[in-house]
Every structure is written in structure tokens, then in C-alpha cells.
PDB file of N, CA and C in Angstrom:
ATOM      1  N   MET A   1     -12.901   2.178  -6.585  1.00  0.00           N
ATOM      2  CA  MET A   1     -11.379   2.905  -5.770  1.00  0.00           C
ATOM      3  C   MET A   1     -10.058   2.775  -6.379  1.00  0.00           C
ATOM      4  N   ASN A   2      -9.512   3.706  -6.027  1.00  0.00           N
ATOM      5  CA  ASN A   2      -8.256   3.454  -6.836  1.00  0.00           C
ATOM      6  C   ASN A   2      -7.233   2.498  -6.461  1.00  0.00           C
ATOM      7  N   ALA A   3      -6.450   1.979  -7.204  1.00  0.00           N
ATOM      8  CA  ALA A   3      -5.564   1.078  -6.957  1.00  0.00           C
ATOM      9  C   ALA A   3      -4.357   1.571  -5.989  1.00  0.00           C
ATOM     10  N   THR A   4      -3.809   2.977  -6.593  1.00  0.00           N
ATOM     11  CA  THR A   4      -2.568   3.348  -5.397  1.00  0.00           C
ATOM     12  C   THR A   4      -3.049   3.712  -4.557  1.00  0.00           C
ATOM     13  N   ALA A   5      -4.573   4.043  -4.410  1.00  0.00           N
ATOM     14  CA  ALA A   5      -4.621   4.314  -2.763  1.00  0.00           C
ATOM     15  C   ALA A   5      -4.867   2.966  -1.321  1.00  0.00           C
ATOM     16  N   MET A   6      -4.777   1.961  -2.880  1.00  0.00           N
ATOM     17  CA  MET A   6      -5.274   0.652  -1.864  1.00  0.00           C
ATOM     18  C   MET A   6      -3.649   0.219  -1.077  1.00  0.00           C
ATOM     19  N   ILE A   7      -2.823   0.716  -2.075  1.00  0.00           N
ATOM     20  CA  ILE A   7      -1.447   0.363  -2.049  1.00  0.00           C
ATOM     21  C   ILE A   7      -0.486   0.923  -0.301  1.00  0.00           C
ATOM     22  N   ASP A   8      -0.137  -0.181   0.369  1.00  0.00           N
ATOM     23  CA  ASP A   8       0.339  -0.121   1.663  1.00  0.00           C
ATOM     24  C   ASP A   8       1.573   0.856   1.319  1.00  0.00           C
ATOM     25  N   LEU A   9       1.379   2.258   2.408  1.00  0.00           N
ATOM     26  CA  LEU A   9       2.291   3.474   2.065  1.00  0.00           C
ATOM     27  C   LEU A   9       3.528   2.936   3.017  1.00  0.00           C
ATOM     28  N   SER A  10       3.330   1.883   3.740  1.00  0.00           N
ATOM     29  CA  SER A  10       4.367   1.773   4.814  1.00  0.00           C
ATOM     30  C   SER A  10       5.300   1.100   3.808  1.00  0.00           C
ATOM     31  N   HIS A  11       4.689   0.523   2.771  1.00  0.00           N
ATOM     32  CA  HIS A  11       5.995  -0.529   2.250  1.00  0.00           C
ATOM     33  C   HIS A  11       7.007   0.684   1.104  1.00  0.00           C
ATOM     34  N   ILE A  12       6.107   1.680   0.684  1.00  0.00           N
ATOM     35  CA  ILE A  12       6.936   2.449  -0.418  1.00  0.00           C
ATOM     36  C   ILE A  12       7.920   3.639   0.704  1.00  0.00           C
ATOM     37  N   ASP A  13       7.147   3.678   1.959  1.00  0.00           N
ATOM     38  CA  ASP A  13       8.313   4.636   3.057  1.00  0.00           C
ATOM     39  C   ASP A  13       9.314   3.615   3.391  1.00  0.00           C
ATOM     40  N   GLU A  14       9.156   2.137   3.554  1.00  0.00           N
ATOM     41  CA  GLU A  14      10.163   0.856   3.498  1.00  0.00           C
ATOM     42  C   GLU A  14      11.401   1.366   2.446  1.00  0.00           C
ATOM     43  N   LEU A  15      10.627   0.846   1.536  1.00  0.00           N
ATOM     44  CA  LEU A  15      12.085   1.051   0.387  1.00  0.00           C
ATOM     45  C   LEU A  15      12.237   2.242  -0.114  1.00  0.00           C
ATOM     46  N   ALA A  16      11.618   3.331   0.125  1.00  0.00           N
ATOM     47  CA  ALA A  16      12.220   4.902   0.158  1.00  0.00           C
ATOM     48  C   ALA A  16      13.563   4.827   0.941  1.00  0.00           C
ATOM     49  N   ARG A  17      13.329   4.102   2.557  1.00  0.00           N
ATOM     50  CA  ARG A  17      14.624   4.365   3.135  1.00  0.00           C
ATOM     51  C   ARG A  17      15.617   3.808   2.908  1.00  0.00           C
ATOM     52  N   ARG A  18      15.114   2.643   2.245  1.00  0.00           N
ATOM     53  CA  ARG A  18      16.414   1.628   1.966  1.00  0.00           C
ATOM     54  C   ARG A  18      17.249   2.072   0.823  1.00  0.00           C
ATOM     55  N   LEU A  19      16.178   2.552  -0.051  1.00  0.00           N
ATOM     56  CA  LEU A  19      17.442   3.233  -1.181  1.00  0.00           C
ATOM     57  C   LEU A  19      18.202   4.823  -0.233  1.00  0.00           C
ATOM     58  N   SER A  20      17.225   5.191   0.116  1.00  0.00           N
ATOM     59  CA  SER A  20      18.179   6.467   0.719  1.00  0.00           C
ATOM     60  C   SER A  20      19.647   5.868   1.504  1.00  0.00           C
ATOM     61  N   ASN A  21      19.807   4.967   2.254  1.00  0.00           N
ATOM     62  CA  ASN A  21      20.532   3.971   3.262  1.00  0.00           C
ATOM     63  C   ASN A  21      21.747   3.746   2.063  1.00  0.00           C
ATOM     64  N   LEU A  22      21.510   3.706   1.042  1.00  0.00           N
ATOM     65  CA  LEU A  22      22.423   2.993  -0.150  1.00  0.00           C
ATOM     66  C   LEU A  22      23.376   4.318  -0.569  1.00  0.00           C
ATOM     67  N   VAL A  23      22.923   5.405  -0.103  1.00  0.00           N
ATOM     68  CA  VAL A  23      24.010   6.615  -0.604  1.00  0.00           C
ATOM     69  C   VAL A  23      25.494   6.179  -0.034  1.00  0.00           C
ATOM     70  N   PRO A  24      26.047   6.377  -1.126  1.00  0.00           N
ATOM     71  CA  PRO A  24      27.785   5.887  -0.735  1.00  0.00           C
ATOM     72  C   PRO A  24      28.232   6.654   0.391  1.00  0.00           C
ATOM     73  N   PRO A  25      28.722   6.246   0.975  1.00  0.00           N
ATOM     74  CA  PRO A  25      29.608   6.526   2.332  1.00  0.00           C
ATOM     75  C   PRO A  25      30.516   7.598   2.178  1.00  0.00           C
ATOM     76  N   THR A  26      31.272   7.719   0.599  1.00  0.00           N
ATOM     77  CA  THR A  26      31.482   9.188   0.535  1.00  0.00           C
ATOM     78  C   THR A  26      30.816  10.670   0.630  1.00  0.00           C
ATOM     79  N   MET A  27      29.719   9.774   0.486  1.00  0.00           N
ATOM     80  CA  MET A  27      28.608  11.449   0.285  1.00  0.00           C
ATOM     81  C   MET A  27      28.240  11.316   1.893  1.00  0.00           C
ATOM     82  N   ARG A  28      28.785  10.480   2.720  1.00  0.00           N
ATOM     83  CA  ARG A  28      27.849  11.163   4.259  1.00  0.00           C
ATOM     84  C   ARG A  28      29.285  11.893   4.817  1.00  0.00           C
ATOM     85  N   GLY A  29      28.214  12.818   6.054  1.00  0.00           N
ATOM     86  CA  GLY A  29      29.376  13.667   6.688  1.00  0.00           C
ATOM     87  C   GLY A  29      28.010  14.535   7.071  1.00  0.00           C
ATOM     88  N   ASN A  30      28.792  15.933   7.338  1.00  0.00           N
ATOM     89  CA  ASN A  30      27.879  16.640   7.598  1.00  0.00           C
ATOM     90  C   ASN A  30      27.212  17.063   6.821  1.00  0.00           C
ATOM     91  N   GLY A  31      25.873  17.413   7.408  1.00  0.00           N
ATOM     92  CA  GLY A  31      24.662  17.281   6.709  1.00  0.00           C
ATOM     93  C   GLY A  31      23.868  16.262   6.009  1.00  0.00           C
ATOM     94  N   PHE A  32      24.675  14.794   6.302  1.00  0.00           N
ATOM     95  CA  PHE A  32      23.771  14.032   5.416  1.00  0.00           C
ATOM     96  C   PHE A  32      22.581  13.492   5.964  1.00  0.00           C
ATOM     97  N   GLU A  33      22.286  13.795   7.125  1.00  0.00           N
ATOM     98  CA  GLU A  33      20.630  13.621   7.353  1.00  0.00           C
ATOM     99  C   GLU A  33      19.859  14.279   6.853  1.00  0.00           C
ATOM    100  N   ASP A  34      20.299  15.850   6.746  1.00  0.00           N
ATOM    101  CA  ASP A  34      19.161  16.034   5.456  1.00  0.00           C
ATOM    102  C   ASP A  34      19.343  15.818   4.116  1.00  0.00           C
ATOM    103  N   LEU A  35      20.248  15.412   3.989  1.00  0.00           N
ATOM    104  CA  LEU A  35      20.733  14.604   2.322  1.00  0.00           C
ATOM    105  C   LEU A  35      19.830  13.632   2.178  1.00  0.00           C
ATOM    106  N   ARG A  36      20.024  12.640   3.355  1.00  0.00           N
ATOM    107  CA  ARG A  36      19.145  11.276   3.355  1.00  0.00           C
ATOM    108  C   ARG A  36      17.771  11.653   3.469  1.00  0.00           C
ATOM    109  N   ASP A  37      17.253  12.600   4.361  1.00  0.00           N
ATOM    110  CA  ASP A  37      15.671  12.533   4.315  1.00  0.00           C
ATOM    111  C   ASP A  37      15.303  13.107   2.688  1.00  0.00           C
ATOM    112  N   GLU A  38      15.563  14.268   2.481  1.00  0.00           N
ATOM    113  CA  GLU A  38      15.604  14.547   1.172  1.00  0.00           C
ATOM    114  C   GLU A  38      15.337  14.024  -0.177  1.00  0.00           C
ATOM    115  N   LEU A  39      16.720  12.911   0.143  1.00  0.00           N
ATOM    116  CA  LEU A  39      16.365  12.054  -1.004  1.00  0.00           C
ATOM    117  C   LEU A  39      15.287  10.714  -0.530  1.00  0.00           C
ATOM    118  N   GLN A  40      15.151  10.498   0.641  1.00  0.00           N
ATOM    119  CA  GLN A  40      13.837   9.743   0.976  1.00  0.00           C
ATOM    120  C   GLN A  40      12.641   9.697   0.413  1.00  0.00           C
ATOM    121  N   GLU A  41      12.341  10.931   0.999  1.00  0.00           N
ATOM    122  CA  GLU A  41      11.145  11.909  -0.279  1.00  0.00           C
ATOM    123  C   GLU A  41      11.183  11.898  -1.347  1.00  0.00           C
ATOM    124  N   ASN A  42      12.657  12.027  -2.055  1.00  0.00           N
ATOM    125  CA  ASN A  42      11.989  11.674  -3.388  1.00  0.00           C
ATOM    126  C   ASN A  42      12.480  10.799  -4.019  1.00  0.00           C
ATOM    127  N   PHE A  43      12.632   9.717  -3.551  1.00  0.00           N
ATOM    128  CA  PHE A  43      12.920   8.453  -3.776  1.00  0.00           C
ATOM    129  C   PHE A  43      11.205   8.264  -3.506  1.00  0.00           C
ATOM    130  N   LYS A  44      10.358   8.239  -2.418  1.00  0.00           N
ATOM    131  CA  LYS A  44       9.156   7.653  -2.161  1.00  0.00           C
ATOM    132  C   LYS A  44       8.226   8.788  -3.355  1.00  0.00           C
ATOM    133  N   SER A  45       8.140   9.746  -3.545  1.00  0.00           N
ATOM    134  CA  SER A  45       7.579  10.866  -4.283  1.00  0.00           C
ATOM    135  C   SER A  45       7.413   9.866  -6.135  1.00  0.00           C
ATOM    136  N   VAL A  46       8.437   9.820  -6.478  1.00  0.00           N
ATOM    137  CA  VAL A  46       9.129   9.160  -7.564  1.00  0.00           C
ATOM    138  C   VAL A  46       8.286   7.484  -7.395  1.00  0.00           C
ATOM    139  N   LEU A  47       8.633   6.489  -6.250  1.00  0.00           N
ATOM    140  CA  LEU A  47       7.998   5.398  -6.378  1.00  0.00           C
ATOM    141  C   LEU A  47       6.209   5.522  -6.244  1.00  0.00           C
ATOM    142  N   GLN A  48       5.463   6.807  -5.199  1.00  0.00           N
ATOM    143  CA  GLN A  48       4.269   6.854  -5.649  1.00  0.00           C
ATOM    144  C   GLN A  48       3.822   7.384  -7.454  1.00  0.00           C
ATOM    145  N   ALA A  49       4.354   7.824  -7.915  1.00  0.00           N
ATOM    146  CA  ALA A  49       4.221   8.697  -9.067  1.00  0.00           C
ATOM    147  C   ALA A  49       4.317   7.503 -10.098  1.00  0.00           C
ATOM    148  N   GLY A  50       5.015   6.402  -9.838  1.00  0.00           N
ATOM    149  CA  GLY A  50       5.734   5.148 -10.864  1.00  0.00           C
ATOM    150  C   GLY A  50       4.207   3.984 -10.526  1.00  0.00           C
ATOM    151  N   LEU A  51       4.236   4.199  -9.530  1.00  0.00           N
ATOM    152  CA  LEU A  51       3.193   3.380  -9.209  1.00  0.00           C
ATOM    153  C   LEU A  51       1.742   3.462  -9.744  1.00  0.00           C
ATOM    154  N   ALA A  52       1.467   4.779  -9.470  1.00  0.00           N
ATOM    155  CA  ALA A  52      -0.089   5.430  -9.760  1.00  0.00           C
ATOM    156  C   ALA A  52       0.175   5.533 -11.359  1.00  0.00           C
ATOM    157  N   LYS A  53       1.185   5.397 -12.555  1.00  0.00           N
ATOM    158  CA  LYS A  53       1.224   5.520 -13.928  1.00  0.00           C
ATOM    159  C   LYS A  53       0.802   3.930 -14.423  1.00  0.00           C
ATOM    160  N   LEU A  54       0.693   2.976 -13.217  1.00  0.00           N
ATOM    161  CA  LEU A  54       0.720   1.788 -13.998  1.00  0.00           C
ATOM    162  C   LEU A  54      -0.513   1.195 -13.736  1.00  0.00           C
ATOM    163  N   ASP A  55      -1.095   0.176 -14.732  1.00  0.00           N
ATOM    164  CA  ASP A  55      -2.421  -0.199 -14.457  1.00  0.00           C
ATOM    165  C   ASP A  55      -2.542  -1.362 -13.638  1.00  0.00           C
ATOM    166  N   LEU A  56      -2.465  -1.417 -12.258  1.00  0.00           N
ATOM    167  CA  LEU A  56      -3.092  -1.838 -11.237  1.00  0.00           C
ATOM    168  C   LEU A  56      -4.186  -2.133 -11.095  1.00  0.00           C
ATOM    169  N   VAL A  57      -5.138  -3.366 -10.567  1.00  0.00           N
ATOM    170  CA  VAL A  57      -5.943  -3.376  -9.814  1.00  0.00           C
ATOM    171  C   VAL A  57      -5.777  -3.336  -7.942  1.00  0.00           C
ATOM    172  N   THR A  58      -6.804  -3.349  -7.519  1.00  0.00           N
ATOM    173  CA  THR A  58      -6.723  -3.653  -6.025  1.00  0.00           C
ATOM    174  C   THR A  58      -6.883  -5.487  -5.788  1.00  0.00           C
ATOM    175  N   ARG A  59      -6.575  -5.468  -4.555  1.00  0.00           N
ATOM    176  CA  ARG A  59      -6.780  -7.181  -4.162  1.00  0.00           C
ATOM    177  C   ARG A  59      -8.017  -7.561  -4.269  1.00  0.00           C
ATOM    178  N   GLU A  60      -8.905  -6.596  -3.871  1.00  0.00           N
ATOM    179  CA  GLU A  60     -10.574  -6.629  -4.123  1.00  0.00           C
ATOM    180  C   GLU A  60     -10.816  -7.341  -5.185  1.00  0.00           C
ATOM    181  N   GLU A  61     -10.442  -6.528  -6.234  1.00  0.00           N
ATOM    182  CA  GLU A  61     -10.864  -6.439  -7.630  1.00  0.00           C
ATOM    183  C   GLU A  61     -10.432  -7.507  -8.295  1.00  0.00           C
ATOM    184  N   PHE A  62      -9.125  -8.228  -7.920  1.00  0.00           N
ATOM    185  CA  PHE A  62      -8.451  -9.206  -8.190  1.00  0.00           C
ATOM    186  C   PHE A  62      -9.445 -10.588  -7.907  1.00  0.00           C
ATOM    187  N   GLU A  63      -9.911 -10.541  -6.755  1.00  0.00           N
ATOM    188  CA  GLU A  63     -10.065 -11.785  -6.299  1.00  0.00           C
ATOM    189  C   GLU A  63     -11.778 -11.791  -6.871  1.00  0.00           C
ATOM    190  N   VAL A  64     -12.625 -10.674  -6.612  1.00  0.00           N
ATOM    191  CA  VAL A  64     -13.714 -10.980  -7.273  1.00  0.00           C
ATOM    192  C   VAL A  64     -13.556 -11.369  -8.751  1.00  0.00           C
ATOM    193  N   GLN A  65     -12.733 -10.917  -9.829  1.00  0.00           N
ATOM    194  CA  GLN A  65     -12.193 -11.639 -10.827  1.00  0.00           C
ATOM    195  C   GLN A  65     -11.680 -13.222 -10.910  1.00  0.00           C
ATOM    196  N   ARG A  66     -10.605 -13.461  -9.708  1.00  0.00           N
ATOM    197  CA  ARG A  66     -10.717 -14.981  -9.425  1.00  0.00           C
ATOM    198  C   ARG A  66     -11.733 -15.605  -9.332  1.00  0.00           C
ATOM    199  N   ALA A  67     -13.062 -15.406  -8.698  1.00  0.00           N
ATOM    200  CA  ALA A  67     -14.107 -15.704  -7.998  1.00  0.00           C
ATOM    201  C   ALA A  67     -14.731 -16.474  -9.371  1.00  0.00           C
ATOM    202  N   VAL A  68     -15.011 -15.236 -10.649  1.00  0.00           N
ATOM    203  CA  VAL A  68     -16.066 -15.145 -11.610  1.00  0.00           C
ATOM    204  C   VAL A  68     -15.257 -16.381 -12.859  1.00  0.00           C
ATOM    205  N   LEU A  69     -13.923 -16.130 -12.535  1.00  0.00           N
ATOM    206  CA  LEU A  69     -13.160 -17.013 -13.444  1.00  0.00           C
ATOM    207  C   LEU A  69     -13.135 -18.443 -12.913  1.00  0.00           C
ATOM    208  N   LEU A  70     -13.555 -18.971 -11.813  1.00  0.00           N
ATOM    209  CA  LEU A  70     -13.486 -19.937 -11.448  1.00  0.00           C
ATOM    210  C   LEU A  70     -15.029 -20.585 -11.426  1.00  0.00           C
ATOM    211  N   HIS A  71     -15.720 -19.526 -11.438  1.00  0.00           N
ATOM    212  CA  HIS A  71     -17.225 -19.504 -11.546  1.00  0.00           C
ATOM    213  C   HIS A  71     -17.516 -20.040 -12.970  1.00  0.00           C
ATOM    214  N   THR A  72     -16.664 -19.316 -14.435  1.00  0.00           N
ATOM    215  CA  THR A  72     -17.054 -19.725 -15.265  1.00  0.00           C
ATOM    216  C   THR A  72     -15.758 -21.066 -15.784  1.00  0.00           C
ATOM    217  N   ARG A  73     -15.061 -21.330 -14.774  1.00  0.00           N
ATOM    218  CA  ARG A  73     -14.335 -22.663 -15.535  1.00  0.00           C
ATOM    219  C   ARG A  73     -15.545 -23.909 -14.742  1.00  0.00           C
ATOM    220  N   GLU A  74     -15.880 -24.031 -13.722  1.00  0.00           N
ATOM    221  CA  GLU A  74     -16.514 -24.778 -13.551  1.00  0.00           C
ATOM    222  C   GLU A  74     -18.033 -25.049 -14.287  1.00  0.00           C
ATOM    223  N   LYS A  75     -18.488 -23.687 -14.777  1.00  0.00           N
ATOM    224  CA  LYS A  75     -20.059 -24.040 -15.814  1.00  0.00           C
ATOM    225  C   LYS A  75     -19.239 -24.459 -17.355  1.00  0.00           C
ATOM    226  N   LEU A  76     -18.135 -24.355 -17.997  1.00  0.00           N
ATOM    227  CA  LEU A  76     -17.598 -24.430 -18.798  1.00  0.00           C
ATOM    228  C   LEU A  76     -16.987 -26.240 -18.445  1.00  0.00           C
ATOM    229  N   ASP A  77     -16.666 -26.815 -17.677  1.00  0.00           N
ATOM    230  CA  ASP A  77     -16.456 -28.263 -17.385  1.00  0.00           C
ATOM    231  C   ASP A  77     -17.608 -29.157 -17.342  1.00  0.00           C
ATOM    232  N   ALA A  78     -19.074 -28.583 -16.719  1.00  0.00           N
ATOM    233  CA  ALA A  78     -20.252 -29.193 -16.521  1.00  0.00           C
ATOM    234  C   ALA A  78     -20.911 -29.179 -18.075  1.00  0.00           C
ATOM    235  N   LEU A  79     -20.517 -27.836 -19.053  1.00  0.00           N
ATOM    236  CA  LEU A  79     -21.015 -28.014 -20.560  1.00  0.00           C
ATOM    237  C   LEU A  79     -20.626 -28.993 -21.156  1.00  0.00           C
ATOM    238  N   GLN A  80     -18.673 -29.330 -20.756  1.00  0.00           N
ATOM    239  CA  GLN A  80     -18.072 -30.068 -21.802  1.00  0.00           C
ATOM    240  C   GLN A  80     -18.501 -31.713 -21.864  1.00  0.00           C
ATOM    241  N   GLN A  81     -18.868 -31.997 -20.000  1.00  0.00           N
ATOM    242  CA  GLN A  81     -19.302 -33.401 -19.952  1.00  0.00           C
ATOM    243  C   GLN A  81     -20.756 -33.076 -20.621  1.00  0.00           C
ATOM    244  N   THR A  82     -21.444 -32.286 -20.262  1.00  0.00           N
ATOM    245  CA  THR A  82     -23.087 -32.434 -21.173  1.00  0.00           C
ATOM    246  C   THR A  82     -23.122 -33.055 -22.425  1.00  0.00           C
ATOM    247  N   VAL A  83     -21.821 -32.001 -23.057  1.00  0.00           N
ATOM    248  CA  VAL A  83     -21.617 -32.635 -24.829  1.00  0.00           C
ATOM    249  C   VAL A  83     -21.078 -33.729 -25.064  1.00  0.00           C
ATOM    250  N   ALA A  84     -19.959 -34.153 -23.863  1.00  0.00           N
ATOM    251  CA  ALA A  84     -19.376 -35.825 -24.276  1.00  0.00           C
ATOM    252  C   ALA A  84     -20.618 -36.489 -24.047  1.00  0.00           C
ATOM    253  N   GLU A  85     -21.447 -36.699 -23.188  1.00  0.00           N
ATOM    254  CA  GLU A  85     -22.697 -37.087 -22.633  1.00  0.00           C
ATOM    255  C   GLU A  85     -23.822 -37.246 -23.939  1.00  0.00           C
ATOM    256  N   LEU A  86     -23.966 -36.063 -24.224  1.00  0.00           N
ATOM    257  CA  LEU A  86     -24.809 -36.231 -25.611  1.00  0.00           C
ATOM    258  C   LEU A  86     -24.059 -36.850 -27.152  1.00  0.00           C
ATOM    259  N   GLU A  87     -23.072 -36.673 -27.311  1.00  0.00           N
ATOM    260  CA  GLU A  87     -22.217 -37.078 -28.111  1.00  0.00           C
ATOM    261  C   GLU A  87     -21.876 -38.607 -27.591  1.00  0.00           C
ATOM    262  N   ALA A  88     -22.122 -39.180 -26.772  1.00  0.00           N
ATOM    263  CA  ALA A  88     -21.897 -40.437 -26.381  1.00  0.00           C
ATOM    264  C   ALA A  88     -23.410 -41.392 -26.645  1.00  0.00           C
ATOM    265  N   GLN A  89     -24.532 -40.633 -26.241  1.00  0.00           N
ATOM    266  CA  GLN A  89     -25.821 -41.051 -26.266  1.00  0.00           C
ATOM    267  C   GLN A  89     -26.055 -40.974 -28.220  1.00  0.00           C
ATOM    268  N   GLN A  90     -25.777 -39.762 -28.374  1.00  0.00           N
ATOM    269  CA  GLN A  90     -25.812 -39.866 -30.334  1.00  0.00           C
ATOM    270  C   GLN A  90     -25.606 -41.087 -30.822  1.00  0.00           C
ATOM    271  N   THR A  91     -23.888 -41.251 -30.493  1.00  0.00           N
ATOM    272  CA  THR A  91     -23.239 -42.441 -30.939  1.00  0.00           C
ATOM    273  C   THR A  91     -23.940 -43.622 -31.116  1.00  0.00           C
ATOM    274  N   THR A  92     -24.407 -44.095 -29.712  1.00  0.00           N
ATOM    275  CA  THR A  92     -25.026 -45.066 -29.065  1.00  0.00           C
ATOM    276  C   THR A  92     -26.323 -45.509 -29.709  1.00  0.00           C
ATOM    277  N   SER A  93     -27.432 -44.706 -30.157  1.00  0.00           N
ATOM    278  CA  SER A  93     -28.143 -44.216 -30.653  1.00  0.00           C
ATOM    279  C   SER A  93     -28.691 -44.751 -31.851  1.00  0.00           C
ATOM    280  N   ALA A  94     -27.438 -43.980 -32.765  1.00  0.00           N
ATOM    281  CA  ALA A  94     -27.677 -44.004 -34.274  1.00  0.00           C
ATOM    282  C   ALA A  94     -27.623 -45.108 -34.911  1.00  0.00           C
ATOM    283  N   PRO A  95     -28.443 -45.300 -35.880  1.00  0.00           N
ATOM    284  CA  PRO A  95     -28.652 -46.563 -36.637  1.00  0.00           C
ATOM    285  C   PRO A  95     -27.458 -46.802 -37.281  1.00  0.00           C
ATOM    286  N   PRO A  96     -27.024 -48.171 -37.578  1.00  0.00           N
ATOM    287  CA  PRO A  96     -25.533 -48.129 -38.337  1.00  0.00           C
ATOM    288  C   PRO A  96     -25.959 -48.110 -40.023  1.00  0.00           C
ATOM    289  N   ARG A  97     -24.760 -48.029 -40.334  1.00  0.00           N
ATOM    290  CA  ARG A  97     -25.020 -47.542 -41.949  1.00  0.00           C
ATOM    291  C   ARG A  97     -24.722 -48.506 -42.783  1.00  0.00           C
TER     292      ARG A  97
END
């Protein structure tokens, strides 16, 4: 699934709204509502396009990889412990020189 499809569009809408509200007061006046709405749509389009270009993963993909990494770490720890035990056995059972 495309990562941009997983992005909550309400967050993009909210950010676009907040950006359009940052228009300087000197630009406000008659017709400001139309300008603000147009700016808000432009901000939204730019944000969506920018996010689409990023190499993002979905939360689900992230959690799957996190679980795989955790499992791999557990196996590595177990292998390190086994190697340490084998090395200890080898040093105790090796004849002196």
C-alpha cells in the first residue's frame, strides 16, 4: 500500500489551514476569504506532493520491520550466549600446554 495513502489527510488539511491563517493582516480585507481558501488549497496540494516524494513507510510496515528486528536481536543474543558457553567449555577442557 502506498505510504501517502496511509497519511491522515486531516493533518494535512489542518496544516494547510494554519498556513493560510498566517497571511499578513495587510493582505486581509475584501475577498480575503477567497484568497485564504485558494492559499489553503495550494498549501494542501504542495504538502501532499512533497509527502508523496518522500520515501516513507506505513506504520504497519514499520511495525513489521520492528518485530523482525526484535526477533533477530533475540536470536543474536542467544547465539552470542551459546558461543560464550562453548568457548568457556573449550578453555576448561583444553589440556594445558
